[in-house]
């Protein structure tokens, strides 16, 4: 109900369905084909991670964008959700503004992860500099490298725009170009590359 109130209050959003458990969520998503599904990790019958796999996993022919929302800040959940195709991982305590932004990011094909989770993930992913990383630095422009660093700090497109005095749309375009050049699927991939390359500030 809380999610419905937040999302229905947005002029460009409409909640088209609610499910009482994970199995119903998968069934409803198949019938309604919503732009985005919000899945709680803890649900009866099917948990949010399995719902994500069934709707957005690597084997799904026509995936639906899924944002996982949870109170449980566990690395295992984050890794599994992203592996299962989630395009967002949000802690409930992140607040309504970030929830709305995560839905908008998912619709735009972007990935939103709670900043605190992103930073912790990257520290786990950090490893010695690989030779290929140095070669990839050449492929990014100075501005793209700067934006990649900000992504690694967990900043959203809007925050990157504010930091660099550019629009959120321009920041989004840069992020998309960086993903293409680095051949990564999402912002976590960019951030992991930054840490692997020894560029994290």
N, C-alpha and C. Protein backbone atom coordinates (compact mmCIF):
# COMPACT_ATOMS: atom_id res chain seq x y z
N UNK A 1 0.83 -1.20 0.00
CA UNK A 1 0.00 0.00 0.00
C UNK A 1 0.86 1.25 0.00
N UNK A 2 1.95 1.18 0.76
CA UNK A 2 2.86 2.32 0.81
C UNK A 2 3.46 2.63 -0.56
N UNK A 3 3.89 1.57 -1.26
CA UNK A 3 4.44 1.75 -2.60
C UNK A 3 3.39 2.33 -3.54
N UNK A 4 2.16 1.80 -3.45
CA UNK A 4 1.09 2.29 -4.33
C UNK A 4 0.86 3.78 -4.12
N UNK A 5 0.79 4.22 -2.88
CA UNK A 5 0.56 5.63 -2.58
C UNK A 5 1.66 6.51 -3.17
N UNK A 6 2.91 6.05 -3.01
CA UNK A 6 4.05 6.83 -3.51
C UNK A 6 4.01 6.91 -5.04
N UNK A 7 3.81 5.77 -5.69
CA UNK A 7 3.89 5.73 -7.15
C UNK A 7 2.67 6.34 -7.82
N UNK A 8 1.49 6.09 -7.27
CA UNK A 8 0.28 6.67 -7.86
C UNK A 8 0.23 8.19 -7.72
N UNK A 9 1.02 8.73 -6.80
CA UNK A 9 1.05 10.20 -6.64
C UNK A 9 1.90 10.87 -7.71
N UNK A 10 2.64 10.07 -8.48
CA UNK A 10 3.47 10.62 -9.56
C UNK A 10 2.61 10.81 -10.82
N UNK A 11 2.75 11.96 -11.48
CA UNK A 11 1.89 12.22 -12.65
C UNK A 11 2.13 11.27 -13.82
N UNK A 12 3.32 10.66 -13.87
CA UNK A 12 3.65 9.80 -15.01
C UNK A 12 3.66 8.31 -14.64
N UNK A 13 3.07 7.96 -13.50
CA UNK A 13 3.09 6.56 -13.07
C UNK A 13 1.71 6.09 -12.67
N UNK A 14 1.46 4.81 -12.90
CA UNK A 14 0.20 4.20 -12.48
C UNK A 14 0.48 2.76 -12.05
N UNK A 15 0.00 2.40 -10.87
CA UNK A 15 0.12 1.02 -10.40
C UNK A 15 -1.00 0.22 -11.04
N UNK A 16 -0.63 -0.79 -11.82
CA UNK A 16 -1.65 -1.54 -12.57
C UNK A 16 -2.01 -2.88 -11.91
N UNK A 17 -1.25 -3.28 -10.89
CA UNK A 17 -1.57 -4.53 -10.24
C UNK A 17 -0.81 -4.72 -8.95
N UNK A 18 -1.39 -5.51 -8.04
CA UNK A 18 -0.74 -5.88 -6.79
C UNK A 18 -0.91 -7.37 -6.58
N UNK A 19 0.11 -8.00 -6.05
CA UNK A 19 0.06 -9.44 -5.81
C UNK A 19 0.22 -9.73 -4.32
N UNK A 20 -0.45 -10.79 -3.88
CA UNK A 20 -0.37 -11.16 -2.46
C UNK A 20 0.84 -12.05 -2.17
N UNK A 21 1.41 -12.65 -3.24
CA UNK A 21 2.58 -13.49 -3.06
C UNK A 21 3.39 -13.53 -4.37
N UNK A 22 4.53 -14.18 -4.32
CA UNK A 22 5.42 -14.20 -5.46
C UNK A 22 4.87 -14.91 -6.68
N UNK A 23 4.14 -16.00 -6.45
CA UNK A 23 3.58 -16.76 -7.57
C UNK A 23 2.55 -15.92 -8.33
N UNK A 24 1.70 -15.25 -7.56
CA UNK A 24 0.70 -14.37 -8.19
C UNK A 24 1.39 -13.21 -8.91
N UNK A 25 2.50 -12.74 -8.36
CA UNK A 25 3.24 -11.65 -9.00
C UNK A 25 3.70 -12.06 -10.40
N UNK A 26 4.22 -13.27 -10.52
CA UNK A 26 4.68 -13.77 -11.83
C UNK A 26 3.51 -13.89 -12.80
N UNK A 27 2.39 -14.43 -12.29
CA UNK A 27 1.20 -14.60 -13.13
C UNK A 27 0.66 -13.25 -13.60
N UNK A 28 0.52 -12.31 -12.66
CA UNK A 28 0.00 -10.99 -13.00
C UNK A 28 0.91 -10.25 -13.98
N UNK A 29 2.21 -10.38 -13.74
CA UNK A 29 3.16 -9.70 -14.64
C UNK A 29 3.04 -10.23 -16.06
N UNK A 30 2.80 -11.55 -16.18
CA UNK A 30 2.62 -12.14 -17.50
C UNK A 30 1.36 -11.65 -18.19
N UNK A 31 0.31 -11.42 -17.41
CA UNK A 31 -0.96 -10.95 -17.98
C UNK A 31 -0.92 -9.45 -18.29
N UNK A 32 -0.41 -8.66 -17.35
CA UNK A 32 -0.48 -7.21 -17.45
C UNK A 32 0.69 -6.58 -18.22
N UNK A 33 1.82 -7.29 -18.27
CA UNK A 33 3.05 -6.78 -18.92
C UNK A 33 3.36 -5.34 -18.49
N UNK A 34 3.56 -5.11 -17.19
CA UNK A 34 3.86 -3.75 -16.72
C UNK A 34 5.26 -3.32 -17.17
N UNK A 35 5.50 -2.03 -17.17
CA UNK A 35 6.83 -1.51 -17.52
C UNK A 35 7.87 -1.94 -16.48
N UNK A 36 7.45 -1.96 -15.22
CA UNK A 36 8.35 -2.31 -14.12
C UNK A 36 7.60 -3.12 -13.07
N UNK A 37 8.27 -4.11 -12.50
CA UNK A 37 7.73 -4.88 -11.37
C UNK A 37 8.58 -4.57 -10.15
N UNK A 38 7.94 -4.24 -9.03
CA UNK A 38 8.64 -4.10 -7.76
C UNK A 38 8.47 -5.40 -7.00
N UNK A 39 9.58 -6.01 -6.63
CA UNK A 39 9.52 -7.32 -5.95
C UNK A 39 10.22 -7.23 -4.59
N UNK A 40 9.50 -7.62 -3.56
CA UNK A 40 10.09 -7.69 -2.22
C UNK A 40 10.85 -9.01 -2.11
N UNK A 41 11.98 -9.00 -1.43
CA UNK A 41 12.75 -10.25 -1.27
C UNK A 41 11.91 -11.29 -0.52
N UNK A 42 11.29 -10.88 0.58
CA UNK A 42 10.53 -11.82 1.41
C UNK A 42 9.07 -11.82 1.00
N UNK A 43 8.67 -12.84 0.23
CA UNK A 43 7.27 -13.00 -0.16
C UNK A 43 6.89 -14.47 -0.01
N UNK A 44 5.62 -14.75 0.29
CA UNK A 44 5.17 -16.16 0.39
C UNK A 44 5.22 -16.85 -0.98
N UNK A 45 5.32 -18.16 -0.95
CA UNK A 45 5.27 -19.06 -2.12
C UNK A 45 6.49 -18.91 -3.03
N UNK A 46 6.78 -17.72 -3.52
CA UNK A 46 8.02 -17.48 -4.29
C UNK A 46 8.67 -16.23 -3.75
N UNK A 47 9.96 -16.28 -3.42
CA UNK A 47 10.60 -15.05 -2.93
C UNK A 47 10.93 -14.13 -4.10
N UNK A 48 11.31 -12.90 -3.76
CA UNK A 48 11.57 -11.89 -4.78
C UNK A 48 12.71 -12.24 -5.73
N UNK A 49 13.67 -13.01 -5.25
CA UNK A 49 14.80 -13.40 -6.10
C UNK A 49 14.36 -14.37 -7.19
N UNK A 50 13.48 -15.32 -6.81
CA UNK A 50 12.97 -16.28 -7.80
C UNK A 50 12.00 -15.58 -8.76
N UNK A 51 11.21 -14.66 -8.24
CA UNK A 51 10.31 -13.87 -9.11
C UNK A 51 11.14 -13.13 -10.14
N UNK A 52 12.24 -12.53 -9.69
CA UNK A 52 13.13 -11.80 -10.60
C UNK A 52 13.69 -12.72 -11.67
N UNK A 53 14.13 -13.92 -11.27
CA UNK A 53 14.70 -14.86 -12.24
C UNK A 53 13.67 -15.26 -13.30
N UNK A 54 12.42 -15.48 -12.85
CA UNK A 54 11.38 -15.92 -13.78
C UNK A 54 10.93 -14.81 -14.73
N UNK A 55 11.02 -13.57 -14.26
CA UNK A 55 10.56 -12.45 -15.10
C UNK A 55 11.68 -11.79 -15.91
N UNK A 56 12.90 -11.83 -15.38
CA UNK A 56 13.98 -11.05 -16.00
C UNK A 56 15.28 -11.82 -16.19
N UNK A 57 15.27 -13.10 -15.84
CA UNK A 57 16.51 -13.88 -15.88
C UNK A 57 17.09 -14.04 -17.28
N UNK A 58 18.35 -14.49 -17.35
CA UNK A 58 19.06 -14.63 -18.62
C UNK A 58 18.35 -15.51 -19.63
N UNK A 59 17.54 -16.47 -19.17
CA UNK A 59 16.85 -17.40 -20.08
C UNK A 59 15.48 -16.90 -20.53
N UNK A 60 15.04 -15.74 -20.02
CA UNK A 60 13.71 -15.24 -20.35
C UNK A 60 13.72 -14.57 -21.73
N UNK A 61 12.83 -15.04 -22.62
CA UNK A 61 12.81 -14.54 -24.00
C UNK A 61 12.36 -13.08 -24.07
N UNK A 62 11.36 -12.72 -23.28
CA UNK A 62 10.82 -11.36 -23.30
C UNK A 62 10.80 -10.81 -21.87
N UNK A 63 11.95 -10.40 -21.36
CA UNK A 63 12.05 -10.04 -19.94
C UNK A 63 11.27 -8.79 -19.56
N UNK A 64 10.89 -8.75 -18.30
CA UNK A 64 10.24 -7.57 -17.72
C UNK A 64 11.23 -6.96 -16.74
N UNK A 65 11.27 -5.64 -16.69
CA UNK A 65 12.21 -4.96 -15.77
C UNK A 65 11.74 -5.15 -14.33
N UNK A 66 12.66 -5.57 -13.47
CA UNK A 66 12.32 -5.82 -12.07
C UNK A 66 13.24 -5.01 -11.16
N UNK A 67 12.64 -4.30 -10.22
CA UNK A 67 13.40 -3.62 -9.17
C UNK A 67 13.13 -4.35 -7.86
N UNK A 68 14.18 -4.84 -7.23
CA UNK A 68 14.04 -5.55 -5.96
C UNK A 68 14.11 -4.54 -4.82
N UNK A 69 13.12 -4.61 -3.94
CA UNK A 69 13.06 -3.70 -2.79
C UNK A 69 13.04 -4.54 -1.52
N UNK A 70 13.89 -4.19 -0.57
CA UNK A 70 13.98 -5.04 0.63
C UNK A 70 14.45 -4.26 1.84
N UNK A 71 14.17 -4.80 3.01
CA UNK A 71 14.73 -4.25 4.25
C UNK A 71 16.05 -4.93 4.58
N UNK A 72 16.35 -6.02 3.85
CA UNK A 72 17.49 -6.86 4.20
C UNK A 72 18.72 -6.50 3.36
N UNK A 73 19.68 -5.87 3.99
CA UNK A 73 20.87 -5.37 3.31
C UNK A 73 21.96 -6.44 3.33
N UNK A 74 21.76 -7.51 2.57
CA UNK A 74 22.71 -8.62 2.55
C UNK A 74 23.35 -8.74 1.17
N UNK A 75 24.68 -8.87 1.14
CA UNK A 75 25.39 -8.97 -0.13
C UNK A 75 24.90 -10.13 -0.99
N UNK A 76 24.58 -11.23 -0.34
CA UNK A 76 24.12 -12.42 -1.07
C UNK A 76 22.86 -12.09 -1.88
N UNK A 77 21.95 -11.31 -1.27
CA UNK A 77 20.72 -10.92 -1.97
C UNK A 77 21.03 -10.03 -3.17
N UNK A 78 21.95 -9.08 -2.98
CA UNK A 78 22.29 -8.15 -4.05
C UNK A 78 22.86 -8.92 -5.23
N UNK A 79 23.84 -9.76 -4.98
CA UNK A 79 24.50 -10.53 -6.05
C UNK A 79 23.48 -11.41 -6.79
N UNK A 80 22.64 -12.10 -6.02
CA UNK A 80 21.66 -13.00 -6.64
C UNK A 80 20.65 -12.22 -7.47
N UNK A 81 20.16 -11.10 -6.92
CA UNK A 81 19.18 -10.28 -7.64
C UNK A 81 19.74 -9.79 -8.97
N UNK A 82 20.96 -9.28 -8.96
CA UNK A 82 21.57 -8.77 -10.19
C UNK A 82 21.86 -9.90 -11.17
N UNK A 83 22.31 -11.03 -10.66
CA UNK A 83 22.56 -12.19 -11.51
C UNK A 83 21.27 -12.68 -12.17
N UNK A 84 20.16 -12.55 -11.43
CA UNK A 84 18.86 -12.99 -11.94
C UNK A 84 18.19 -11.97 -12.85
N UNK A 85 18.89 -10.85 -13.12
CA UNK A 85 18.37 -9.89 -14.09
C UNK A 85 17.74 -8.64 -13.54
N UNK A 86 17.80 -8.44 -12.22
CA UNK A 86 17.20 -7.22 -11.64
C UNK A 86 17.87 -5.97 -12.21
N UNK A 87 17.06 -4.94 -12.45
CA UNK A 87 17.65 -3.68 -12.93
C UNK A 87 17.63 -2.63 -11.82
N UNK A 88 17.43 -3.09 -10.61
CA UNK A 88 17.48 -2.19 -9.47
C UNK A 88 17.48 -2.98 -8.18
N UNK A 89 18.15 -2.45 -7.16
CA UNK A 89 18.15 -3.07 -5.84
C UNK A 89 18.08 -1.92 -4.83
N UNK A 90 16.96 -1.84 -4.13
CA UNK A 90 16.70 -0.69 -3.29
C UNK A 90 16.38 -1.12 -1.86
N UNK A 91 16.97 -0.44 -0.91
CA UNK A 91 16.62 -0.67 0.49
C UNK A 91 15.39 0.17 0.82
N UNK A 92 14.47 -0.40 1.57
CA UNK A 92 13.23 0.32 1.88
C UNK A 92 13.51 1.62 2.63
N UNK A 93 14.57 1.64 3.39
CA UNK A 93 14.87 2.85 4.15
C UNK A 93 15.42 3.97 3.26
N UNK A 94 15.64 3.68 1.99
CA UNK A 94 16.17 4.70 1.08
C UNK A 94 15.20 5.86 0.86
N UNK A 95 13.91 5.61 1.10
CA UNK A 95 12.93 6.69 1.01
C UNK A 95 12.19 6.73 -0.31
N UNK A 96 11.06 7.47 -0.33
CA UNK A 96 10.19 7.50 -1.51
C UNK A 96 10.83 8.11 -2.76
N UNK A 97 11.67 9.12 -2.59
CA UNK A 97 12.27 9.79 -3.76
C UNK A 97 13.13 8.81 -4.55
N UNK A 98 13.91 7.99 -3.85
CA UNK A 98 14.78 7.04 -4.54
C UNK A 98 13.97 5.90 -5.17
N UNK A 99 12.85 5.55 -4.53
CA UNK A 99 11.96 4.54 -5.11
C UNK A 99 11.44 5.00 -6.46
N UNK A 100 10.97 6.24 -6.50
CA UNK A 100 10.45 6.82 -7.75
C UNK A 100 11.56 6.88 -8.79
N UNK A 101 12.75 7.31 -8.37
CA UNK A 101 13.87 7.41 -9.31
C UNK A 101 14.28 6.03 -9.83
N UNK A 102 14.19 5.01 -8.97
CA UNK A 102 14.54 3.65 -9.40
C UNK A 102 13.57 3.14 -10.46
N UNK A 103 12.29 3.46 -10.31
CA UNK A 103 11.30 3.05 -11.32
C UNK A 103 11.57 3.78 -12.63
N UNK A 104 11.83 5.08 -12.55
CA UNK A 104 12.12 5.84 -13.78
C UNK A 104 13.39 5.31 -14.45
N UNK A 105 14.40 5.00 -13.65
CA UNK A 105 15.65 4.47 -14.20
C UNK A 105 15.40 3.15 -14.90
N UNK A 106 14.58 2.29 -14.29
CA UNK A 106 14.29 0.98 -14.89
C UNK A 106 13.59 1.15 -16.23
N UNK A 107 12.62 2.07 -16.30
CA UNK A 107 11.90 2.31 -17.56
C UNK A 107 12.87 2.80 -18.63
N UNK A 108 13.85 3.59 -18.21
CA UNK A 108 14.83 4.15 -19.16
C UNK A 108 15.93 3.15 -19.52
N UNK A 109 15.86 1.94 -18.93
CA UNK A 109 16.87 0.94 -19.22
C UNK A 109 18.13 1.09 -18.38
N UNK A 110 18.03 1.89 -17.33
CA UNK A 110 19.17 2.12 -16.45
C UNK A 110 19.05 1.24 -15.21
N UNK A 111 20.07 1.24 -14.39
CA UNK A 111 20.07 0.44 -13.16
C UNK A 111 20.27 1.35 -11.96
N UNK A 112 19.43 1.19 -10.95
CA UNK A 112 19.55 1.98 -9.73
C UNK A 112 19.78 1.05 -8.54
N UNK A 113 20.87 1.29 -7.83
CA UNK A 113 21.17 0.50 -6.63
C UNK A 113 21.40 1.47 -5.49
N UNK A 114 20.84 1.17 -4.33
CA UNK A 114 21.03 2.05 -3.17
C UNK A 114 22.51 2.37 -3.02
N UNK A 115 22.86 3.66 -2.92
CA UNK A 115 24.27 4.05 -2.86
C UNK A 115 25.11 3.31 -1.82
N UNK A 116 24.55 3.08 -0.63
CA UNK A 116 25.32 2.39 0.41
C UNK A 116 25.67 0.97 -0.02
N UNK A 117 24.75 0.33 -0.75
CA UNK A 117 24.98 -1.03 -1.23
C UNK A 117 26.05 -1.01 -2.32
N UNK A 118 25.97 -0.03 -3.23
CA UNK A 118 26.93 0.08 -4.34
C UNK A 118 28.35 0.19 -3.82
N UNK A 119 28.56 1.10 -2.89
CA UNK A 119 29.92 1.34 -2.38
C UNK A 119 30.47 0.08 -1.73
N UNK A 120 29.62 -0.63 -0.96
CA UNK A 120 30.09 -1.85 -0.29
C UNK A 120 30.39 -2.95 -1.31
N UNK A 121 29.53 -3.06 -2.31
CA UNK A 121 29.75 -4.05 -3.37
C UNK A 121 31.10 -3.85 -4.02
N UNK A 122 31.41 -2.61 -4.30
CA UNK A 122 32.63 -2.31 -5.04
C UNK A 122 33.88 -2.63 -4.22
N UNK A 123 33.80 -2.43 -2.93
CA UNK A 123 34.95 -2.76 -2.09
C UNK A 123 35.23 -4.25 -2.13
N UNK A 124 34.14 -5.05 -2.22
CA UNK A 124 34.31 -6.51 -2.33
C UNK A 124 34.89 -6.88 -3.68
N UNK A 125 34.51 -6.12 -4.71
CA UNK A 125 34.93 -6.45 -6.06
C UNK A 125 36.35 -6.00 -6.37
N UNK A 126 36.89 -5.10 -5.53
CA UNK A 126 38.20 -4.53 -5.83
C UNK A 126 39.27 -5.63 -5.92
N UNK A 127 40.07 -5.54 -6.96
CA UNK A 127 41.15 -6.50 -7.16
C UNK A 127 42.33 -5.78 -7.78
N UNK A 128 43.51 -6.42 -7.86
CA UNK A 128 44.66 -5.75 -8.45
C UNK A 128 44.38 -5.31 -9.88
N UNK A 129 45.06 -4.26 -10.30
CA UNK A 129 44.87 -3.72 -11.65
C UNK A 129 45.21 -4.78 -12.68
N UNK A 130 44.32 -4.96 -13.64
CA UNK A 130 44.55 -5.91 -14.72
C UNK A 130 45.10 -5.16 -15.93
N UNK A 131 45.98 -5.78 -16.73
CA UNK A 131 46.52 -5.11 -17.91
C UNK A 131 45.45 -4.57 -18.84
N UNK A 132 44.34 -5.32 -19.03
CA UNK A 132 43.31 -4.86 -19.96
C UNK A 132 42.64 -3.58 -19.48
N UNK A 133 42.62 -3.35 -18.15
CA UNK A 133 42.00 -2.14 -17.63
C UNK A 133 42.72 -0.90 -18.13
N UNK A 134 44.02 -0.94 -18.16
CA UNK A 134 44.81 0.20 -18.61
C UNK A 134 44.48 0.53 -20.06
N UNK A 135 44.28 -0.50 -20.87
CA UNK A 135 43.94 -0.28 -22.28
C UNK A 135 42.57 0.38 -22.40
N UNK A 136 41.64 -0.01 -21.51
CA UNK A 136 40.29 0.54 -21.59
C UNK A 136 40.26 2.01 -21.18
N UNK A 137 41.17 2.42 -20.30
CA UNK A 137 41.22 3.83 -19.89
C UNK A 137 41.41 4.70 -21.13
N UNK A 138 42.20 4.23 -22.10
CA UNK A 138 42.44 4.98 -23.33
C UNK A 138 41.13 5.18 -24.11
N UNK A 139 40.23 4.22 -23.98
CA UNK A 139 39.00 4.27 -24.78
C UNK A 139 38.00 5.29 -24.25
N UNK A 140 38.12 5.66 -22.98
CA UNK A 140 37.20 6.63 -22.40
C UNK A 140 37.77 8.04 -22.51
N UNK A 141 36.89 9.00 -22.78
CA UNK A 141 37.33 10.39 -22.78
C UNK A 141 37.58 10.83 -21.34
N UNK A 142 38.17 11.98 -21.17
CA UNK A 142 38.45 12.49 -19.82
C UNK A 142 37.14 12.68 -19.06
N UNK A 143 36.11 13.22 -19.74
CA UNK A 143 34.83 13.44 -19.10
C UNK A 143 34.17 12.11 -18.73
N UNK A 144 34.29 11.11 -19.60
CA UNK A 144 33.70 9.81 -19.32
C UNK A 144 34.37 9.14 -18.13
N UNK A 145 35.69 9.28 -18.04
CA UNK A 145 36.42 8.72 -16.89
C UNK A 145 35.97 9.39 -15.60
N UNK A 146 35.76 10.71 -15.67
CA UNK A 146 35.29 11.47 -14.52
C UNK A 146 33.90 10.98 -14.09
N UNK A 147 33.04 10.76 -15.05
CA UNK A 147 31.68 10.29 -14.75
C UNK A 147 31.71 8.85 -14.22
N UNK A 148 32.59 8.02 -14.80
CA UNK A 148 32.72 6.64 -14.30
C UNK A 148 33.11 6.65 -12.83
N UNK A 149 34.00 7.56 -12.44
CA UNK A 149 34.41 7.65 -11.03
C UNK A 149 33.21 8.01 -10.15
N UNK A 150 32.36 8.93 -10.62
CA UNK A 150 31.19 9.34 -9.84
C UNK A 150 30.17 8.21 -9.74
N UNK A 151 30.04 7.43 -10.81
CA UNK A 151 29.17 6.25 -10.76
C UNK A 151 29.67 5.30 -9.67
N UNK A 152 30.98 5.14 -9.59
CA UNK A 152 31.58 4.24 -8.60
C UNK A 152 31.34 4.72 -7.17
N UNK A 153 31.06 6.01 -7.03
CA UNK A 153 30.76 6.55 -5.69
C UNK A 153 29.28 6.38 -5.35
N UNK A 154 28.49 5.86 -6.32
CA UNK A 154 27.08 5.62 -6.06
C UNK A 154 26.17 6.79 -6.42
N UNK A 155 26.68 7.77 -7.17
CA UNK A 155 25.87 8.93 -7.54
C UNK A 155 24.87 8.57 -8.64
N UNK A 156 23.69 9.16 -8.56
CA UNK A 156 22.68 8.99 -9.61
C UNK A 156 23.00 9.92 -10.77
N UNK A 157 22.28 9.78 -11.88
CA UNK A 157 22.50 10.67 -13.03
C UNK A 157 22.24 12.13 -12.65
N UNK A 158 21.19 12.35 -11.86
CA UNK A 158 20.87 13.71 -11.42
C UNK A 158 22.00 14.29 -10.57
N UNK A 159 22.54 13.48 -9.67
CA UNK A 159 23.63 13.95 -8.80
C UNK A 159 24.91 14.20 -9.60
N UNK A 160 25.16 13.34 -10.60
CA UNK A 160 26.32 13.54 -11.46
C UNK A 160 26.16 14.85 -12.23
N UNK A 161 24.94 15.10 -12.72
CA UNK A 161 24.66 16.35 -13.43
C UNK A 161 24.94 17.56 -12.57
N UNK A 162 24.48 17.52 -11.31
CA UNK A 162 24.71 18.63 -10.38
C UNK A 162 26.20 18.83 -10.13
N UNK A 163 26.91 17.73 -9.94
CA UNK A 163 28.35 17.78 -9.64
C UNK A 163 29.15 18.39 -10.80
N UNK A 164 28.75 18.06 -12.04
CA UNK A 164 29.53 18.48 -13.21
C UNK A 164 28.89 19.61 -14.00
N UNK A 165 27.78 20.14 -13.47
CA UNK A 165 27.07 21.25 -14.14
C UNK A 165 26.59 20.86 -15.54
N UNK A 166 26.04 19.64 -15.64
CA UNK A 166 25.44 19.18 -16.89
C UNK A 166 24.05 18.67 -16.55
N UNK A 167 23.21 18.46 -17.56
CA UNK A 167 21.86 17.96 -17.30
C UNK A 167 21.91 16.47 -16.96
N UNK A 168 20.86 16.01 -16.28
CA UNK A 168 20.77 14.59 -15.94
C UNK A 168 20.72 13.75 -17.22
N UNK A 169 20.08 14.29 -18.26
CA UNK A 169 20.00 13.59 -19.54
C UNK A 169 21.36 13.42 -20.18
N UNK A 170 22.19 14.47 -20.09
CA UNK A 170 23.56 14.38 -20.64
C UNK A 170 24.37 13.36 -19.85
N UNK A 171 24.20 13.37 -18.53
CA UNK A 171 24.91 12.39 -17.69
C UNK A 171 24.49 10.98 -18.07
N UNK A 172 23.19 10.79 -18.32
CA UNK A 172 22.67 9.48 -18.70
C UNK A 172 23.29 9.01 -20.03
N UNK A 173 23.41 9.94 -20.98
CA UNK A 173 24.02 9.61 -22.28
C UNK A 173 25.47 9.18 -22.10
N UNK A 174 26.21 9.92 -21.27
CA UNK A 174 27.60 9.56 -20.99
C UNK A 174 27.69 8.16 -20.37
N UNK A 175 26.80 7.88 -19.40
CA UNK A 175 26.82 6.58 -18.73
C UNK A 175 26.55 5.46 -19.74
N UNK A 176 25.59 5.69 -20.64
CA UNK A 176 25.29 4.69 -21.68
C UNK A 176 26.51 4.46 -22.58
N UNK A 177 27.21 5.54 -22.94
CA UNK A 177 28.41 5.42 -23.78
C UNK A 177 29.52 4.65 -23.06
N UNK A 178 29.65 4.92 -21.76
CA UNK A 178 30.67 4.23 -20.96
C UNK A 178 30.36 2.73 -20.89
N UNK A 179 29.08 2.40 -20.67
CA UNK A 179 28.69 0.98 -20.62
C UNK A 179 29.04 0.29 -21.94
N UNK A 180 28.77 0.98 -23.04
CA UNK A 180 29.06 0.38 -24.35
C UNK A 180 30.56 0.19 -24.54
N UNK A 181 31.35 1.21 -24.18
CA UNK A 181 32.80 1.12 -24.38
C UNK A 181 33.44 0.05 -23.50
N UNK A 182 32.91 -0.09 -22.29
CA UNK A 182 33.49 -1.08 -21.37
C UNK A 182 32.85 -2.45 -21.52
N UNK A 183 31.79 -2.50 -22.32
CA UNK A 183 31.07 -3.75 -22.54
C UNK A 183 30.56 -4.32 -21.22
N UNK A 184 29.87 -3.46 -20.45
CA UNK A 184 29.26 -3.89 -19.19
C UNK A 184 27.76 -3.63 -19.26
N UNK A 185 27.00 -4.36 -18.44
CA UNK A 185 25.53 -4.31 -18.54
C UNK A 185 24.91 -3.16 -17.78
N UNK A 186 25.58 -2.69 -16.72
CA UNK A 186 24.93 -1.69 -15.88
C UNK A 186 25.96 -0.86 -15.11
N UNK A 187 25.47 -0.03 -14.20
CA UNK A 187 26.32 0.88 -13.43
C UNK A 187 27.28 0.12 -12.51
N UNK A 188 26.83 -1.04 -12.03
CA UNK A 188 27.71 -1.83 -11.17
C UNK A 188 28.94 -2.28 -11.97
N UNK A 189 28.72 -2.64 -13.25
CA UNK A 189 29.85 -3.02 -14.11
C UNK A 189 30.82 -1.89 -14.31
N UNK A 190 30.29 -0.67 -14.48
CA UNK A 190 31.16 0.52 -14.62
C UNK A 190 31.96 0.70 -13.34
N UNK A 191 31.26 0.64 -12.21
CA UNK A 191 31.92 0.86 -10.93
C UNK A 191 32.98 -0.19 -10.65
N UNK A 192 32.68 -1.44 -11.00
CA UNK A 192 33.66 -2.51 -10.80
C UNK A 192 34.91 -2.24 -11.64
N UNK A 193 34.71 -1.75 -12.87
CA UNK A 193 35.85 -1.43 -13.74
C UNK A 193 36.70 -0.32 -13.12
N UNK A 194 36.03 0.69 -12.55
CA UNK A 194 36.76 1.80 -11.90
C UNK A 194 37.65 1.27 -10.78
N UNK A 195 37.08 0.39 -9.96
CA UNK A 195 37.86 -0.16 -8.85
C UNK A 195 38.98 -1.07 -9.35
N UNK A 196 38.66 -1.88 -10.35
CA UNK A 196 39.69 -2.77 -10.92
C UNK A 196 40.84 -1.98 -11.53
N UNK A 197 40.52 -0.82 -12.08
CA UNK A 197 41.53 -0.01 -12.77
C UNK A 197 42.33 0.88 -11.82
N UNK A 198 41.98 0.85 -10.54
CA UNK A 198 42.69 1.69 -9.57
C UNK A 198 42.35 3.15 -9.70
N UNK A 199 41.15 3.47 -10.26
CA UNK A 199 40.77 4.85 -10.47
C UNK A 199 39.89 5.40 -9.36
N UNK A 200 39.47 4.55 -8.45
CA UNK A 200 38.55 5.02 -7.38
C UNK A 200 39.27 6.03 -6.51
N UNK A 201 38.57 7.15 -6.29
CA UNK A 201 39.17 8.21 -5.47
C UNK A 201 39.08 7.86 -4.00
